C-alpha atoms as a PDB file:
ATOM      1  CA  MET A   1     339.437   3.991 186.888  1.00  0.00           C
ATOM      2  CA  PRO A   2     338.706   6.576 184.171  1.00  0.00           C
ATOM      3  CA  PRO A   3     341.336   6.957 181.460  1.00  0.00           C
ATOM      4  CA  LYS A   4     343.624   9.972 181.531  1.00  0.00           C
ATOM      5  CA  LEU A   5     341.757  12.724 179.727  1.00  0.00           C
ATOM      6  CA  SER A   6     343.559  15.014 177.333  1.00  0.00           C
ATOM      7  CA  PRO A   7     340.801  15.713 174.840  1.00  0.00           C
ATOM      8  CA  ARG A   8     341.248  17.468 171.535  1.00  0.00           C
ATOM      9  CA  ILE A   9     337.872  19.181 171.260  1.00  0.00           C
ATOM     10  CA  TYR A  10     336.217  20.603 168.148  1.00  0.00           C
ATOM     11  CA  CYS A  11     333.392  22.997 169.035  1.00  0.00           C
ATOM     12  CA  ILE A  12     330.311  22.778 166.801  1.00  0.00           C
ATOM     13  CA  ASN A  13     327.181  24.893 166.604  1.00  0.00           C
ATOM     14  CA  PRO A  14     324.632  22.270 165.476  1.00  0.00           C
ATOM     15  CA  TRP A  15     322.471  24.954 163.862  1.00  0.00           C
ATOM     16  CA  LEU A  16     325.185  25.487 161.256  1.00  0.00           C
ATOM     17  CA  VAL A  17     325.297  21.857 160.106  1.00  0.00           C
ATOM     18  CA  ASP A  18     322.520  20.278 158.084  1.00  0.00           C
ATOM     19  CA  ALA A  19     321.751  16.558 158.343  1.00  0.00           C
ATOM     20  CA  ALA A  20     323.772  15.738 155.223  1.00  0.00           C
ATOM     21  CA  GLY A  21     326.792  17.716 156.432  1.00  0.00           C
ATOM     22  CA  TRP A  22     327.593  15.821 159.628  1.00  0.00           C
ATOM     23  CA  SER A  23     329.518  12.974 158.008  1.00  0.00           C
ATOM     24  CA  ARG A  24     331.773  15.333 156.082  1.00  0.00           C
ATOM     25  CA  LEU A  25     332.328  17.576 159.123  1.00  0.00           C
ATOM     26  CA  LEU A  26     333.156  14.643 161.420  1.00  0.00           C
ATOM     27  CA  ASP A  27     335.580  13.213 158.833  1.00  0.00           C
ATOM     28  CA  HIS A  28     337.224  16.639 158.709  1.00  0.00           C
ATOM     29  CA  CYS A  29     337.486  16.703 162.531  1.00  0.00           C
ATOM     30  CA  VAL A  30     339.172  13.299 162.576  1.00  0.00           C
ATOM     31  CA  ALA A  31     341.579  14.346 159.815  1.00  0.00           C
ATOM     32  CA  LEU A  32     342.569  17.366 161.922  1.00  0.00           C
ATOM     33  CA  GLY A  33     343.283  15.133 164.938  1.00  0.00           C
ATOM     34  CA  PHE A  34     340.241  15.886 167.093  1.00  0.00           C
ATOM     35  CA  ASP A  35     338.843  13.069 169.251  1.00  0.00           C
ATOM     36  CA  HIS A  36     335.916  14.911 170.879  1.00  0.00           C
ATOM     37  CA  ILE A  37     333.267  17.274 169.597  1.00  0.00           C
ATOM     38  CA  LEU A  38     331.534  19.822 171.785  1.00  0.00           C
ATOM     39  CA  ILE A  39     327.914  20.522 170.936  1.00  0.00           C
ATOM     40  CA  VAL A  40     327.054  24.089 171.840  1.00  0.00           C
ATOM     41  CA  ARG A  41     323.435  24.019 172.950  1.00  0.00           C
ATOM     42  CA  GLU A  42     322.506  27.621 173.693  1.00  0.00           C
ATOM     43  CA  MET A  43     322.493  28.946 170.153  1.00  0.00           C
ATOM     44  CA  ALA A  44     319.755  30.748 168.263  1.00  0.00           C
ATOM     45  CA  GLY A  45     317.633  31.123 171.372  1.00  0.00           C
ATOM     46  CA  VAL A  46     317.402  27.397 172.073  1.00  0.00           C
ATOM     47  CA  GLY A  47     317.892  26.705 175.746  1.00  0.00           C
ATOM     48  CA  SER A  48     320.383  24.545 177.560  1.00  0.00           C
ATOM     49  CA  THR A  49     317.814  21.844 178.259  1.00  0.00           C
ATOM     50  CA  ALA A  50     316.506  21.537 174.704  1.00  0.00           C
ATOM     51  CA  MET A  51     318.598  18.442 173.886  1.00  0.00           C
ATOM     52  CA  HIS A  52     317.072  15.193 175.048  1.00  0.00           C
ATOM     53  CA  ALA A  53     318.179  11.589 174.840  1.00  0.00           C
ATOM     54  CA  SER A  54     315.131  10.850 172.718  1.00  0.00           C
ATOM     55  CA  ASP A  55     316.229  13.445 170.166  1.00  0.00           C
ATOM     56  CA  PHE A  56     316.787  11.575 166.876  1.00  0.00           C
ATOM     57  CA  ALA A  57     319.486  14.055 165.790  1.00  0.00           C
ATOM     58  CA  LEU A  58     321.481  13.337 168.960  1.00  0.00           C
ATOM     59  CA  GLU A  59     321.170   9.584 168.511  1.00  0.00           C
ATOM     60  CA  SER A  60     322.299   9.845 164.909  1.00  0.00           C
ATOM     61  CA  LEU A  61     325.233  12.091 165.844  1.00  0.00           C
ATOM     62  CA  LEU A  62     326.349   9.723 168.599  1.00  0.00           C
ATOM     63  CA  ASN A  63     326.301   6.819 166.127  1.00  0.00           C
ATOM     64  CA  GLU A  64     328.283   8.820 163.542  1.00  0.00           C
ATOM     65  CA  CYS A  65     330.866   9.746 166.181  1.00  0.00           C
ATOM     66  CA  ALA A  66     331.159   6.181 167.490  1.00  0.00           C
ATOM     67  CA  GLN A  67     331.949   4.981 163.963  1.00  0.00           C
ATOM     68  CA  ARG A  68     334.904   7.424 163.979  1.00  0.00           C
ATOM     69  CA  ASP A  69     336.022   6.671 167.564  1.00  0.00           C
ATOM     70  CA  MET A  70     335.039  10.198 168.612  1.00  0.00           C
ATOM     71  CA  ARG A  71     333.251  11.208 171.794  1.00  0.00           C
ATOM     72  CA  VAL A  72     330.529  13.813 172.226  1.00  0.00           C
ATOM     73  CA  LEU A  73     330.591  16.503 174.900  1.00  0.00           C
ATOM     74  CA  VAL A  74     327.671  18.859 175.536  1.00  0.00           C
ATOM     75  CA  ASP A  75     327.554  22.339 177.064  1.00  0.00           C
ATOM     76  CA  LEU A  76     326.081  22.418 180.557  1.00  0.00           C
ATOM     77  CA  THR A  77     324.857  25.668 182.068  1.00  0.00           C
ATOM     78  CA  LEU A  78     323.165  25.423 185.437  1.00  0.00           C
ATOM     79  CA  ALA A  79     323.362  29.075 186.513  1.00  0.00           C
ATOM     80  CA  SER A  80     320.635  30.293 184.152  1.00  0.00           C
ATOM     81  CA  VAL A  81     318.553  29.368 181.131  1.00  0.00           C
ATOM     82  CA  SER A  82     317.433  31.365 178.117  1.00  0.00           C
ATOM     83  CA  SER A  83     313.990  32.908 177.945  1.00  0.00           C
ATOM     84  CA  ARG A  84     312.997  30.208 175.414  1.00  0.00           C
ATOM     85  CA  ASP A  85     314.223  27.241 177.408  1.00  0.00           C
ATOM     86  CA  PRO A  86     311.552  24.557 177.956  1.00  0.00           C
ATOM     87  CA  LEU A  87     312.667  24.133 181.573  1.00  0.00           C
ATOM     88  CA  LEU A  88     311.780  27.772 182.335  1.00  0.00           C
ATOM     89  CA  GLN A  89     308.353  27.274 180.783  1.00  0.00           C
ATOM     90  CA  GLN A  90     307.728  24.063 182.757  1.00  0.00           C
ATOM     91  CA  HIS A  91     309.095  25.235 186.133  1.00  0.00           C
ATOM     92  CA  PRO A  92     309.119  29.043 186.403  1.00  0.00           C
ATOM     93  CA  GLU A  93     309.153  28.716 190.212  1.00  0.00           C
ATOM     94  CA  TRP A  94     312.786  27.527 190.033  1.00  0.00           C
ATOM     95  CA  PHE A  95     313.967  30.799 188.483  1.00  0.00           C
ATOM     96  CA  ASP A  96     314.239  34.530 189.161  1.00  0.00           C
ATOM     97  CA  ALA A  97     312.627  36.967 186.751  1.00  0.00           C
ATOM     98  CA  LEU A  98     314.091  37.301 183.266  1.00  0.00           C
ATOM     99  CA  GLN A  99     317.134  39.546 183.086  1.00  0.00           C
ATOM    100  CA  GLY A 100     319.039  41.167 180.225  1.00  0.00           C
ATOM    101  CA  ASP A 101     322.545  40.037 179.292  1.00  0.00           C
ATOM    102  CA  GLY A 102     324.189  43.485 179.356  1.00  0.00           C
ATOM    103  CA  ASP A 103     326.871  42.710 181.978  1.00  0.00           C
ATOM    104  CA  VAL A 104     327.519  39.078 181.086  1.00  0.00           C
ATOM    105  CA  VAL A 105     331.126  38.082 180.356  1.00  0.00           C
ATOM    106  CA  LEU A 106     331.352  37.516 176.615  1.00  0.00           C
ATOM    107  CA  ASP A 107     331.659  33.915 175.536  1.00  0.00           C
ATOM    108  CA  PRO A 108     333.125  33.619 172.028  1.00  0.00           C
ATOM    109  CA  ARG A 109     330.974  30.542 171.320  1.00  0.00           C
ATOM    110  CA  HIS A 110     327.777  32.571 171.736  1.00  0.00           C
ATOM    111  CA  TYR A 111     326.942  35.221 169.189  1.00  0.00           C
ATOM    112  CA  GLY A 112     324.201  37.051 171.048  1.00  0.00           C
ATOM    113  CA  ALA A 113     321.100  35.141 169.977  1.00  0.00           C
ATOM    114  CA  GLN A 114     320.168  34.712 173.612  1.00  0.00           C
ATOM    115  CA  ARG A 115     318.836  38.145 174.577  1.00  0.00           C
ATOM    116  CA  SER A 116     317.553  37.382 178.047  1.00  0.00           C
ATOM    117  CA  SER A 117     317.944  34.712 180.653  1.00  0.00           C
ATOM    118  CA  ALA A 118     316.463  33.603 183.950  1.00  0.00           C
ATOM    119  CA  ARG A 119     318.759  32.805 186.871  1.00  0.00           C
ATOM    120  CA  MET A 120     318.254  29.493 188.645  1.00  0.00           C
ATOM    121  CA  ARG A 121     317.329  29.963 192.315  1.00  0.00           C
ATOM    122  CA  TRP A 122     319.837  27.487 193.781  1.00  0.00           C
ATOM    123  CA  GLU A 123     319.696  29.301 197.144  1.00  0.00           C
ATOM    124  CA  ASP A 124     316.015  28.307 197.564  1.00  0.00           C
ATOM    125  CA  PRO A 125     316.030  24.820 199.209  1.00  0.00           C
ATOM    126  CA  ALA A 126     312.749  23.692 197.607  1.00  0.00           C
ATOM    127  CA  ALA A 127     313.773  24.886 194.134  1.00  0.00           C
ATOM    128  CA  MET A 128     317.225  23.314 194.544  1.00  0.00           C
ATOM    129  CA  GLU A 129     315.848  19.899 195.527  1.00  0.00           C
ATOM    130  CA  ALA A 130     313.328  19.797 192.696  1.00  0.00           C
ATOM    131  CA  ALA A 131     315.827  21.080 190.117  1.00  0.00           C
ATOM    132  CA  LEU A 132     318.494  18.614 191.242  1.00  0.00           C
ATOM    133  CA  ILE A 133     316.118  15.699 190.666  1.00  0.00           C
ATOM    134  CA  TRP A 134     315.311  17.026 187.190  1.00  0.00           C
ATOM    135  CA  TRP A 135     318.972  17.670 186.281  1.00  0.00           C
ATOM    136  CA  GLN A 136     320.116  14.278 187.599  1.00  0.00           C
ATOM    137  CA  GLN A 137     317.574  12.548 185.357  1.00  0.00           C
ATOM    138  CA  HIS A 138     318.358  14.750 182.347  1.00  0.00           C
ATOM    139  CA  LEU A 139     322.133  14.216 182.585  1.00  0.00           C
ATOM    140  CA  THR A 140     321.678  10.494 183.257  1.00  0.00           C
ATOM    141  CA  ASP A 141     319.501  10.192 180.152  1.00  0.00           C
ATOM    142  CA  LEU A 142     322.156  11.931 178.039  1.00  0.00           C
ATOM    143  CA  THR A 143     325.056   9.842 179.373  1.00  0.00           C
ATOM    144  CA  ASP A 144     323.032   6.627 179.048  1.00  0.00           C
ATOM    145  CA  GLN A 145     322.467   7.572 175.412  1.00  0.00           C
ATOM    146  CA  GLY A 146     326.241   7.907 174.917  1.00  0.00           C
ATOM    147  CA  VAL A 147     327.212  11.506 175.675  1.00  0.00           C
ATOM    148  CA  ALA A 148     330.763  11.307 177.082  1.00  0.00           C
ATOM    149  CA  GLY A 149     330.537  14.335 179.330  1.00  0.00           C
ATOM    150  CA  PHE A 150     329.776  17.984 179.754  1.00  0.00           C
ATOM    151  CA  VAL A 151     331.615  21.283 179.472  1.00  0.00           C
ATOM    152  CA  VAL A 152     330.432  23.255 182.467  1.00  0.00           C
ATOM    153  CA  CYS A 153     329.816  26.944 181.782  1.00  0.00           C
ATOM    154  CA  ALA A 154     330.045  29.451 184.678  1.00  0.00           C
ATOM    155  CA  PRO A 155     330.737  26.842 187.386  1.00  0.00           C
ATOM    156  CA  GLY A 156     331.335  29.516 190.033  1.00  0.00           C
ATOM    157  CA  GLN A 157     327.714  30.670 189.811  1.00  0.00           C
ATOM    158  CA  VAL A 158     326.378  27.368 191.148  1.00  0.00           C
ATOM    159  CA  PRO A 159     326.887  26.125 194.740  1.00  0.00           C
ATOM    160  CA  ARG A 160     329.503  23.452 195.280  1.00  0.00           C
ATOM    161  CA  THR A 161     326.930  21.090 196.823  1.00  0.00           C
ATOM    162  CA  VAL A 162     324.964  21.125 193.569  1.00  0.00           C
ATOM    163  CA  TRP A 163     328.054  20.041 191.618  1.00  0.00           C
ATOM    164  CA  GLN A 164     328.817  17.320 194.132  1.00  0.00           C
ATOM    165  CA  ARG A 165     325.267  15.976 194.109  1.00  0.00           C
ATOM    166  CA  LEU A 166     325.163  15.946 190.297  1.00  0.00           C
ATOM    167  CA  SER A 167     328.646  14.628 189.578  1.00  0.00           C
ATOM    168  CA  SER A 168     328.804  11.766 192.098  1.00  0.00           C
ATOM    169  CA  PRO A 169     325.830   9.754 190.728  1.00  0.00           C
ATOM    170  CA  LEU A 170     326.924  10.405 187.146  1.00  0.00           C
ATOM    171  CA  ARG A 171     330.425   9.106 187.817  1.00  0.00           C
ATOM    172  CA  GLU A 172     329.093   6.118 189.763  1.00  0.00           C
ATOM    173  CA  ARG A 173     326.952   5.157 186.778  1.00  0.00           C
ATOM    174  CA  HIS A 174     329.497   6.124 184.085  1.00  0.00           C
ATOM    175  CA  ALA A 175     333.044   6.183 185.457  1.00  0.00           C
ATOM    176  CA  CYS A 176     334.331   7.892 182.305  1.00  0.00           C
ATOM    177  CA  CYS A 177     331.793  10.755 182.372  1.00  0.00           C
ATOM    178  CA  HIS A 178     333.763  13.987 182.192  1.00  0.00           C
ATOM    179  CA  LEU A 179     332.843  17.346 183.669  1.00  0.00           C
ATOM    180  CA  LEU A 180     335.153  19.982 182.225  1.00  0.00           C
ATOM    181  CA  ALA A 181     334.933  23.551 183.548  1.00  0.00           C
ATOM    182  CA  TRP A 182     334.535  26.540 181.249  1.00  0.00           C
ATOM    183  CA  ALA A 183     335.106  29.834 183.057  1.00  0.00           C
ATOM    184  CA  PRO A 184     335.861  32.636 180.547  1.00  0.00           C
ATOM    185  CA  GLY A 185     337.270  35.771 182.110  1.00  0.00           C
ATOM    186  CA  ILE A 186     337.662  34.191 185.556  1.00  0.00           C
ATOM    187  CA  VAL A 187     341.157  34.123 186.992  1.00  0.00           C
ATOM    188  CA  THR A 188     340.397  31.987 190.060  1.00  0.00           C
ATOM    189  CA  ILE A 189     337.425  30.035 191.276  1.00  0.00           C
ATOM    190  CA  THR A 190     337.263  29.373 194.990  1.00  0.00           C
ATOM    191  CA  GLY A 191     335.044  26.775 196.578  1.00  0.00           C
ATOM    192  CA  ALA A 192     332.728  26.219 193.596  1.00  0.00           C
ATOM    193  CA  THR A 193     334.498  23.795 191.326  1.00  0.00           C
ATOM    194  CA  PRO A 194     332.613  20.938 189.694  1.00  0.00           C
ATOM    195  CA  GLY A 195     333.400  17.438 190.894  1.00  0.00           C
END
């Protein structure tokens, strides 16, 4: 059974920390009482799928955190990807045309570097099946590497069945994998919660 989760999360934009600065920043986080760090992935135009388990920086960060008994969480956005996201370049058939971000609810963690995005076509059965296989592998790779879980952005924009099909295998493989919802500006979410 997973432990009771009451994380104290420190949000970090990895683009603002150089390789030599991680140790000092993580020591500072521990001194302030944080036990998790959240890596914000959609900064400076880098897409949500740009972090891979083979990424040396991720491996190094996970090791640094483990030495301090801290856990790493990563942003997870399945509703859309940025125009520069590798997944959009590899599988454009899974997405609608690029759209501007004029009516998007502001997220204080994002400072506007992402100027356009492409919406995932979850309503298309063929796109959904192919994308689910890709996402299951991607999230499994990250959790196998040591990522403790994901902070889900805009969960209400993705069908409930997608969340169920992604979360069940992850939790079977890693019982302590956490999926935490992030829904800025949303008062209630009906029928589309992760997990």
